[in-house]
Each structure stands twice: as C-alpha cells, then as structure tokens.
Amino acid sequence: MGQTQKFSAIVHREGDWYVSLCPEIDVASQGKSVEEAVTNLKEAVELYLEDEDVSVPHGTSFLTTFEVTHDKTSNPVSA
C-alpha cells in the first residue's frame, strides 16, 4: 500500500468552470462544480505522482490572505 500525503487545493471560478490548483506540485484541473474540480484535481495529482522521477515536497503548506488598495472599480471579482 502506498504512502498517504495531504495536499492543498485552491479553487477559483473561470466563466462556467471551476479551476483547481495544487500549489505544492503545480498541478491543475477543472470541473463544472467545486466538488468536481477537486475530485478531478485529486485524480490528476495521483497520475502525476505515478511518475518515478517526481519529487514530492515534504513540509507544511499554509494559506494566508493580504489586502491591496487600488482605484479600479470596474470588473469586480465575484465568487
């Protein structure tokens, strides 16, 4: 049985699709829902890790936020 490792998923919407990214290994996927995007990302990561030459990072990742002030008011970001 293989080793279990925890990865992060960052998900954002692009038009009708949700795009998911695993920042630790720079693998991305997409889906019509958040759940589908994350499921597809999990499959993509599993396929990526099948390569024997892949280096898997060890350590803890974390997510933080920051604020930026700008004057642009058109095209607001929506979730």
PDB file of N, CA and C in Angstrom:
ATOM      1  N   MET A   1       0.842  -1.194   0.000  1.00  0.00           N
ATOM      2  CA  MET A   1       0.000   0.000   0.000  1.00  0.00           C
ATOM      3  C   MET A   1       0.875   1.241   0.000  1.00  0.00           C
ATOM      4  N   GLY A   2       0.438   2.279  -0.695  1.00  0.00           N
ATOM      5  CA  GLY A   2       1.215   3.499  -0.855  1.00  0.00           C
ATOM      6  C   GLY A   2       1.156   4.418   0.344  1.00  0.00           C
ATOM      7  N   GLN A   3       1.986   5.420   0.291  1.00  0.00           N
ATOM      8  CA  GLN A   3       2.057   6.437   1.335  1.00  0.00           C
ATOM      9  C   GLN A   3       0.967   7.477   1.110  1.00  0.00           C
ATOM     10  N   THR A   4       0.334   7.925   2.175  1.00  0.00           N
ATOM     11  CA  THR A   4      -0.687   8.969   2.098  1.00  0.00           C
ATOM     12  C   THR A   4      -0.051  10.309   2.436  1.00  0.00           C
ATOM     13  N   GLN A   5      -0.345  11.302   1.619  1.00  0.00           N
ATOM     14  CA  GLN A   5       0.167  12.655   1.846  1.00  0.00           C
ATOM     15  C   GLN A   5      -0.953  13.650   1.611  1.00  0.00           C
ATOM     16  N   LYS A   6      -0.984  14.699   2.394  1.00  0.00           N
ATOM     17  CA  LYS A   6      -2.013  15.730   2.272  1.00  0.00           C
ATOM     18  C   LYS A   6      -1.507  16.856   1.393  1.00  0.00           C
ATOM     19  N   PHE A   7      -2.352  17.313   0.463  1.00  0.00           N
ATOM     20  CA  PHE A   7      -2.039  18.420  -0.429  1.00  0.00           C
ATOM     21  C   PHE A   7      -3.115  19.491  -0.302  1.00  0.00           C
ATOM     22  N   SER A   8      -2.818  20.680  -0.800  1.00  0.00           N
ATOM     23  CA  SER A   8      -3.764  21.795  -0.801  1.00  0.00           C
ATOM     24  C   SER A   8      -4.451  21.898  -2.153  1.00  0.00           C
ATOM     25  N   ALA A   9      -5.654  22.457  -2.150  1.00  0.00           N
ATOM     26  CA  ALA A   9      -6.375  22.751  -3.386  1.00  0.00           C
ATOM     27  C   ALA A   9      -6.864  24.191  -3.316  1.00  0.00           C
ATOM     28  N   ILE A  10      -6.500  24.969  -4.307  1.00  0.00           N
ATOM     29  CA  ILE A  10      -7.002  26.336  -4.448  1.00  0.00           C
ATOM     30  C   ILE A  10      -7.983  26.313  -5.611  1.00  0.00           C
ATOM     31  N   VAL A  11      -9.193  26.787  -5.390  1.00  0.00           N
ATOM     32  CA  VAL A  11     -10.235  26.721  -6.414  1.00  0.00           C
ATOM     33  C   VAL A  11     -10.747  28.126  -6.699  1.00  0.00           C
ATOM     34  N   HIS A  12     -10.866  28.449  -7.988  1.00  0.00           N
ATOM     35  CA  HIS A  12     -11.483  29.718  -8.373  1.00  0.00           C
ATOM     36  C   HIS A  12     -12.337  29.484  -9.614  1.00  0.00           C
ATOM     37  N   ARG A  13     -13.245  30.392  -9.839  1.00  0.00           N
ATOM     38  CA  ARG A  13     -14.180  30.261 -10.957  1.00  0.00           C
ATOM     39  C   ARG A  13     -13.661  31.013 -12.172  1.00  0.00           C
ATOM     40  N   GLU A  14     -13.763  30.355 -13.332  1.00  0.00           N
ATOM     41  CA  GLU A  14     -13.450  30.985 -14.614  1.00  0.00           C
ATOM     42  C   GLU A  14     -14.622  30.715 -15.545  1.00  0.00           C
ATOM     43  N   GLY A  15     -15.486  31.703 -15.707  1.00  0.00           N
ATOM     44  CA  GLY A  15     -16.676  31.522 -16.538  1.00  0.00           C
ATOM     45  C   GLY A  15     -17.591  30.468 -15.939  1.00  0.00           C
ATOM     46  N   ASP A  16     -17.893  29.428 -16.713  1.00  0.00           N
ATOM     47  CA  ASP A  16     -18.776  28.353 -16.248  1.00  0.00           C
ATOM     48  C   ASP A  16     -18.022  27.239 -15.531  1.00  0.00           C
ATOM     49  N   TRP A  17     -16.713  27.347 -15.428  1.00  0.00           N
ATOM     50  CA  TRP A  17     -15.880  26.280 -14.862  1.00  0.00           C
ATOM     51  C   TRP A  17     -15.250  26.706 -13.546  1.00  0.00           C
ATOM     52  N   TYR A  18     -14.939  25.717 -12.708  1.00  0.00           N
ATOM     53  CA  TYR A  18     -14.136  25.920 -11.515  1.00  0.00           C
ATOM     54  C   TYR A  18     -12.765  25.311 -11.792  1.00  0.00           C
ATOM     55  N   VAL A  19     -11.730  26.086 -11.567  1.00  0.00           N
ATOM     56  CA  VAL A  19     -10.362  25.635 -11.798  1.00  0.00           C
ATOM     57  C   VAL A  19      -9.732  25.365 -10.441  1.00  0.00           C
ATOM     58  N   SER A  20      -9.103  24.202 -10.309  1.00  0.00           N
ATOM     59  CA  SER A  20      -8.455  23.825  -9.054  1.00  0.00           C
ATOM     60  C   SER A  20      -6.963  23.670  -9.282  1.00  0.00           C
ATOM     61  N   LEU A  21      -6.179  24.100  -8.307  1.00  0.00           N
ATOM     62  CA  LEU A  21      -4.724  24.067  -8.395  1.00  0.00           C
ATOM     63  C   LEU A  21      -4.145  23.471  -7.118  1.00  0.00           C
ATOM     64  N   CYS A  22      -3.209  22.556  -7.275  1.00  0.00           N
ATOM     65  CA  CYS A  22      -2.423  22.040  -6.155  1.00  0.00           C
ATOM     66  C   CYS A  22      -1.101  22.796  -6.173  1.00  0.00           C
ATOM     67  N   PRO A  23      -0.918  23.790  -5.302  1.00  0.00           N
ATOM     68  CA  PRO A  23       0.269  24.643  -5.382  1.00  0.00           C
ATOM     69  C   PRO A  23       1.574  23.932  -5.012  1.00  0.00           C
ATOM     70  N   GLU A  24       1.501  22.880  -4.226  1.00  0.00           N
ATOM     71  CA  GLU A  24       2.724  22.193  -3.818  1.00  0.00           C
ATOM     72  C   GLU A  24       3.466  21.573  -5.001  1.00  0.00           C
ATOM     73  N   ILE A  25       2.718  21.085  -5.993  1.00  0.00           N
ATOM     74  CA  ILE A  25       3.363  20.422  -7.136  1.00  0.00           C
ATOM     75  C   ILE A  25       2.949  21.032  -8.468  1.00  0.00           C
ATOM     76  N   ASP A  26       2.219  22.141  -8.432  1.00  0.00           N
ATOM     77  CA  ASP A  26       1.826  22.893  -9.620  1.00  0.00           C
ATOM     78  C   ASP A  26       1.047  22.039 -10.625  1.00  0.00           C
ATOM     79  N   VAL A  27       0.035  21.335 -10.130  1.00  0.00           N
ATOM     80  CA  VAL A  27      -0.860  20.541 -10.970  1.00  0.00           C
ATOM     81  C   VAL A  27      -2.237  21.191 -10.890  1.00  0.00           C
ATOM     82  N   ALA A  28      -2.929  21.286 -12.033  1.00  0.00           N
ATOM     83  CA  ALA A  28      -4.244  21.930 -12.077  1.00  0.00           C
ATOM     84  C   ALA A  28      -5.251  21.035 -12.786  1.00  0.00           C
ATOM     85  N   SER A  29      -6.530  21.291 -12.504  1.00  0.00           N
ATOM     86  CA  SER A  29      -7.617  20.608 -13.190  1.00  0.00           C
ATOM     87  C   SER A  29      -8.828  21.533 -13.156  1.00  0.00           C
ATOM     88  N   GLN A  30      -9.973  21.022 -13.606  1.00  0.00           N
ATOM     89  CA  GLN A  30     -11.184  21.849 -13.614  1.00  0.00           C
ATOM     90  C   GLN A  30     -12.416  20.964 -13.500  1.00  0.00           C
ATOM     91  N   GLY A  31     -13.561  21.597 -13.270  1.00  0.00           N
ATOM     92  CA  GLY A  31     -14.830  20.887 -13.201  1.00  0.00           C
ATOM     93  C   GLY A  31     -15.976  21.876 -13.256  1.00  0.00           C
ATOM     94  N   LYS A  32     -17.182  21.358 -13.441  1.00  0.00           N
ATOM     95  CA  LYS A  32     -18.378  22.203 -13.502  1.00  0.00           C
ATOM     96  C   LYS A  32     -18.862  22.632 -12.117  1.00  0.00           C
ATOM     97  N   SER A  33     -18.337  22.004 -11.055  1.00  0.00           N
ATOM     98  CA  SER A  33     -18.653  22.390  -9.679  1.00  0.00           C
ATOM     99  C   SER A  33     -17.348  22.369  -8.884  1.00  0.00           C
ATOM    100  N   VAL A  34     -17.368  22.941  -7.696  1.00  0.00           N
ATOM    101  CA  VAL A  34     -16.180  22.916  -6.841  1.00  0.00           C
ATOM    102  C   VAL A  34     -15.807  21.469  -6.531  1.00  0.00           C
ATOM    103  N   GLU A  35     -16.801  20.670  -6.189  1.00  0.00           N
ATOM    104  CA  GLU A  35     -16.551  19.272  -5.846  1.00  0.00           C
ATOM    105  C   GLU A  35     -15.924  18.515  -7.013  1.00  0.00           C
ATOM    106  N   GLU A  36     -16.452  18.725  -8.218  1.00  0.00           N
ATOM    107  CA  GLU A  36     -15.913  18.053  -9.392  1.00  0.00           C
ATOM    108  C   GLU A  36     -14.485  18.525  -9.682  1.00  0.00           C
ATOM    109  N   ALA A  37     -14.226  19.807  -9.514  1.00  0.00           N
ATOM    110  CA  ALA A  37     -12.888  20.345  -9.754  1.00  0.00           C
ATOM    111  C   ALA A  37     -11.876  19.728  -8.788  1.00  0.00           C
ATOM    112  N   VAL A  38     -12.255  19.575  -7.522  1.00  0.00           N
ATOM    113  CA  VAL A  38     -11.351  18.986  -6.530  1.00  0.00           C
ATOM    114  C   VAL A  38     -11.171  17.489  -6.784  1.00  0.00           C
ATOM    115  N   THR A  39     -12.237  16.791  -7.131  1.00  0.00           N
ATOM    116  CA  THR A  39     -12.128  15.362  -7.464  1.00  0.00           C
ATOM    117  C   THR A  39     -11.211  15.164  -8.659  1.00  0.00           C
ATOM    118  N   ASN A  40     -11.375  15.988  -9.684  1.00  0.00           N
ATOM    119  CA  ASN A  40     -10.525  15.896 -10.875  1.00  0.00           C
ATOM    120  C   ASN A  40      -9.072  16.239 -10.539  1.00  0.00           C
ATOM    121  N   LEU A  41      -8.870  17.197  -9.634  1.00  0.00           N
ATOM    122  CA  LEU A  41      -7.519  17.547  -9.211  1.00  0.00           C
ATOM    123  C   LEU A  41      -6.872  16.376  -8.472  1.00  0.00           C
ATOM    124  N   LYS A  42      -7.627  15.724  -7.621  1.00  0.00           N
ATOM    125  CA  LYS A  42      -7.099  14.560  -6.893  1.00  0.00           C
ATOM    126  C   LYS A  42      -6.634  13.491  -7.881  1.00  0.00           C
ATOM    127  N   GLU A  43      -7.437  13.222  -8.892  1.00  0.00           N
ATOM    128  CA  GLU A  43      -7.059  12.236  -9.913  1.00  0.00           C
ATOM    129  C   GLU A  43      -5.804  12.680 -10.667  1.00  0.00           C
ATOM    130  N   ALA A  44      -5.729  13.974 -10.996  1.00  0.00           N
ATOM    131  CA  ALA A  44      -4.563  14.490 -11.717  1.00  0.00           C
ATOM    132  C   ALA A  44      -3.300  14.379 -10.870  1.00  0.00           C
ATOM    133  N   VAL A  45      -3.408  14.645  -9.581  1.00  0.00           N
ATOM    134  CA  VAL A  45      -2.257  14.533  -8.681  1.00  0.00           C
ATOM    135  C   VAL A  45      -1.823  13.074  -8.561  1.00  0.00           C
ATOM    136  N   GLU A  46      -2.787  12.165  -8.431  1.00  0.00           N
ATOM    137  CA  GLU A  46      -2.459  10.739  -8.355  1.00  0.00           C
ATOM    138  C   GLU A  46      -1.707  10.291  -9.615  1.00  0.00           C
ATOM    139  N   LEU A  47      -2.156  10.729 -10.774  1.00  0.00           N
ATOM    140  CA  LEU A  47      -1.465  10.387 -12.021  1.00  0.00           C
ATOM    141  C   LEU A  47      -0.073  10.999 -12.063  1.00  0.00           C
ATOM    142  N   TYR A  48       0.044  12.232 -11.629  1.00  0.00           N
ATOM    143  CA  TYR A  48       1.330  12.915 -11.600  1.00  0.00           C
ATOM    144  C   TYR A  48       2.324  12.169 -10.709  1.00  0.00           C
ATOM    145  N   LEU A  49       1.843  11.692  -9.562  1.00  0.00           N
ATOM    146  CA  LEU A  49       2.722  11.033  -8.600  1.00  0.00           C
ATOM    147  C   LEU A  49       3.141   9.633  -9.046  1.00  0.00           C
ATOM    148  N   GLU A  50       2.478   9.081 -10.063  1.00  0.00           N
ATOM    149  CA  GLU A  50       2.866   7.766 -10.573  1.00  0.00           C
ATOM    150  C   GLU A  50       4.229   7.801 -11.249  1.00  0.00           C
ATOM    151  N   ASP A  51       4.682   8.978 -11.686  1.00  0.00           N
ATOM    152  CA  ASP A  51       5.984   9.116 -12.326  1.00  0.00           C
ATOM    153  C   ASP A  51       7.077   8.899 -11.273  1.00  0.00           C
ATOM    154  N   GLU A  52       7.968   7.975 -11.525  1.00  0.00           N
ATOM    155  CA  GLU A  52       9.016   7.634 -10.560  1.00  0.00           C
ATOM    156  C   GLU A  52      10.002   8.764 -10.323  1.00  0.00           C
ATOM    157  N   ASP A  53      10.135   9.692 -11.263  1.00  0.00           N
ATOM    158  CA  ASP A  53      11.099  10.777 -11.149  1.00  0.00           C
ATOM    159  C   ASP A  53      10.557  12.013 -10.432  1.00  0.00           C
ATOM    160  N   VAL A  54       9.319  11.949  -9.974  1.00  0.00           N
ATOM    161  CA  VAL A  54       8.684  13.101  -9.331  1.00  0.00           C
ATOM    162  C   VAL A  54       9.242  13.287  -7.928  1.00  0.00           C
ATOM    163  N   SER A  55       9.545  14.535  -7.601  1.00  0.00           N
ATOM    164  CA  SER A  55       9.982  14.887  -6.256  1.00  0.00           C
ATOM    165  C   SER A  55       8.789  15.503  -5.523  1.00  0.00           C
ATOM    166  N   VAL A  56       8.380  14.850  -4.436  1.00  0.00           N
ATOM    167  CA  VAL A  56       7.237  15.331  -3.665  1.00  0.00           C
ATOM    168  C   VAL A  56       7.757  16.160  -2.499  1.00  0.00           C
ATOM    169  N   PRO A  57       7.285  17.404  -2.388  1.00  0.00           N
ATOM    170  CA  PRO A  57       7.762  18.255  -1.289  1.00  0.00           C
ATOM    171  C   PRO A  57       7.291  17.723   0.062  1.00  0.00           C
ATOM    172  N   HIS A  58       8.130  17.881   1.047  1.00  0.00           N
ATOM    173  CA  HIS A  58       7.761  17.498   2.408  1.00  0.00           C
ATOM    174  C   HIS A  58       7.707  18.763   3.246  1.00  0.00           C
ATOM    175  N   GLY A  59       6.754  18.839   4.112  1.00  0.00           N
ATOM    176  CA  GLY A  59       6.597  20.027   4.936  1.00  0.00           C
ATOM    177  C   GLY A  59       5.152  20.465   4.932  1.00  0.00           C
ATOM    178  N   THR A  60       4.891  21.516   5.631  1.00  0.00           N
ATOM    179  CA  THR A  60       3.532  22.007   5.795  1.00  0.00           C
ATOM    180  C   THR A  60       3.324  23.254   4.948  1.00  0.00           C
ATOM    181  N   SER A  61       2.233  23.278   4.199  1.00  0.00           N
ATOM    182  CA  SER A  61       1.834  24.476   3.464  1.00  0.00           C
ATOM    183  C   SER A  61       0.749  25.174   4.261  1.00  0.00           C
ATOM    184  N   PHE A  62       0.604  26.454   4.036  1.00  0.00           N
ATOM    185  CA  PHE A  62      -0.471  27.186   4.680  1.00  0.00           C
ATOM    186  C   PHE A  62      -0.977  28.260   3.746  1.00  0.00           C
ATOM    187  N   LEU A  63      -2.190  28.686   3.986  1.00  0.00           N
ATOM    188  CA  LEU A  63      -2.832  29.720   3.189  1.00  0.00           C
ATOM    189  C   LEU A  63      -3.018  30.950   4.060  1.00  0.00           C
ATOM    190  N   THR A  64      -2.715  32.090   3.504  1.00  0.00           N
ATOM    191  CA  THR A  64      -2.921  33.344   4.210  1.00  0.00           C
ATOM    192  C   THR A  64      -3.565  34.336   3.246  1.00  0.00           C
ATOM    193  N   THR A  65      -3.954  35.463   3.725  1.00  0.00           N
ATOM    194  CA  THR A  65      -4.555  36.498   2.881  1.00  0.00           C
ATOM    195  C   THR A  65      -3.819  37.822   3.110  1.00  0.00           C
ATOM    196  N   PHE A  66      -3.997  38.723   2.172  1.00  0.00           N
ATOM    197  CA  PHE A  66      -3.459  40.077   2.319  1.00  0.00           C
ATOM    198  C   PHE A  66      -4.364  41.027   1.560  1.00  0.00           C
ATOM    199  N   GLU A  67      -4.246  42.315   1.860  1.00  0.00           N
ATOM    200  CA  GLU A  67      -5.089  43.329   1.231  1.00  0.00           C
ATOM    201  C   GLU A  67      -4.250  44.242   0.350  1.00  0.00           C
ATOM    202  N   VAL A  68      -4.854  44.699  -0.744  1.00  0.00           N
ATOM    203  CA  VAL A  68      -4.222  45.631  -1.656  1.00  0.00           C
ATOM    204  C   VAL A  68      -5.220  46.741  -1.942  1.00  0.00           C
ATOM    205  N   THR A  69      -4.781  47.975  -1.897  1.00  0.00           N
ATOM    206  CA  THR A  69      -5.634  49.106  -2.218  1.00  0.00           C
ATOM    207  C   THR A  69      -5.414  49.484  -3.675  1.00  0.00           C
ATOM    208  N   HIS A  70      -6.518  49.680  -4.389  1.00  0.00           N
ATOM    209  CA  HIS A  70      -6.425  50.088  -5.791  1.00  0.00           C
ATOM    210  C   HIS A  70      -7.624  50.954  -6.138  1.00  0.00           C
ATOM    211  N   ASP A  71      -7.534  51.676  -7.242  1.00  0.00           N
ATOM    212  CA  ASP A  71      -8.588  52.598  -7.646  1.00  0.00           C
ATOM    213  C   ASP A  71      -9.550  52.012  -8.655  1.00  0.00           C
ATOM    214  N   LYS A  72      -9.242  50.896  -9.238  1.00  0.00           N
ATOM    215  CA  LYS A  72     -10.081  50.299 -10.283  1.00  0.00           C
ATOM    216  C   LYS A  72     -11.388  49.804  -9.667  1.00  0.00           C
ATOM    217  N   THR A  73     -12.536  50.270 -10.213  1.00  0.00           N
ATOM    218  CA  THR A  73     -13.819  49.865  -9.669  1.00  0.00           C
ATOM    219  C   THR A  73     -14.618  49.004 -10.642  1.00  0.00           C
ATOM    220  N   SER A  74     -14.197  48.921 -11.906  1.00  0.00           N
ATOM    221  CA  SER A  74     -14.927  48.096 -12.853  1.00  0.00           C
ATOM    222  C   SER A  74     -14.451  46.663 -12.747  1.00  0.00           C
ATOM    223  N   ASN A  75     -15.281  45.731 -13.242  1.00  0.00           N
ATOM    224  CA  ASN A  75     -14.974  44.307 -13.230  1.00  0.00           C
ATOM    225  C   ASN A  75     -14.633  43.780 -11.838  1.00  0.00           C
ATOM    226  N   PRO A  76     -15.559  43.906 -10.880  1.00  0.00           N
ATOM    227  CA  PRO A  76     -15.272  43.400  -9.541  1.00  0.00           C
ATOM    228  C   PRO A  76     -15.125  41.876  -9.560  1.00  0.00           C
ATOM    229  N   VAL A  77     -14.311  41.369  -8.649  1.00  0.00           N
ATOM    230  CA  VAL A  77     -14.110  39.933  -8.523  1.00  0.00           C
ATOM    231  C   VAL A  77     -15.327  39.342  -7.836  1.00  0.00           C
ATOM    232  N   SER A  78     -15.889  38.291  -8.404  1.00  0.00           N
ATOM    233  CA  SER A  78     -17.040  37.650  -7.771  1.00  0.00           C
ATOM    234  C   SER A  78     -16.715  36.199  -7.479  1.00  0.00           C
ATOM    235  N   ALA A  79     -17.318  35.682  -6.446  1.00  0.00           N
ATOM    236  CA  ALA A  79     -17.064  34.286  -6.057  1.00  0.00           C
ATOM    237  C   ALA A  79     -18.126  33.375  -6.601  1.00  0.00           C
TER     238      ALA A  79
END
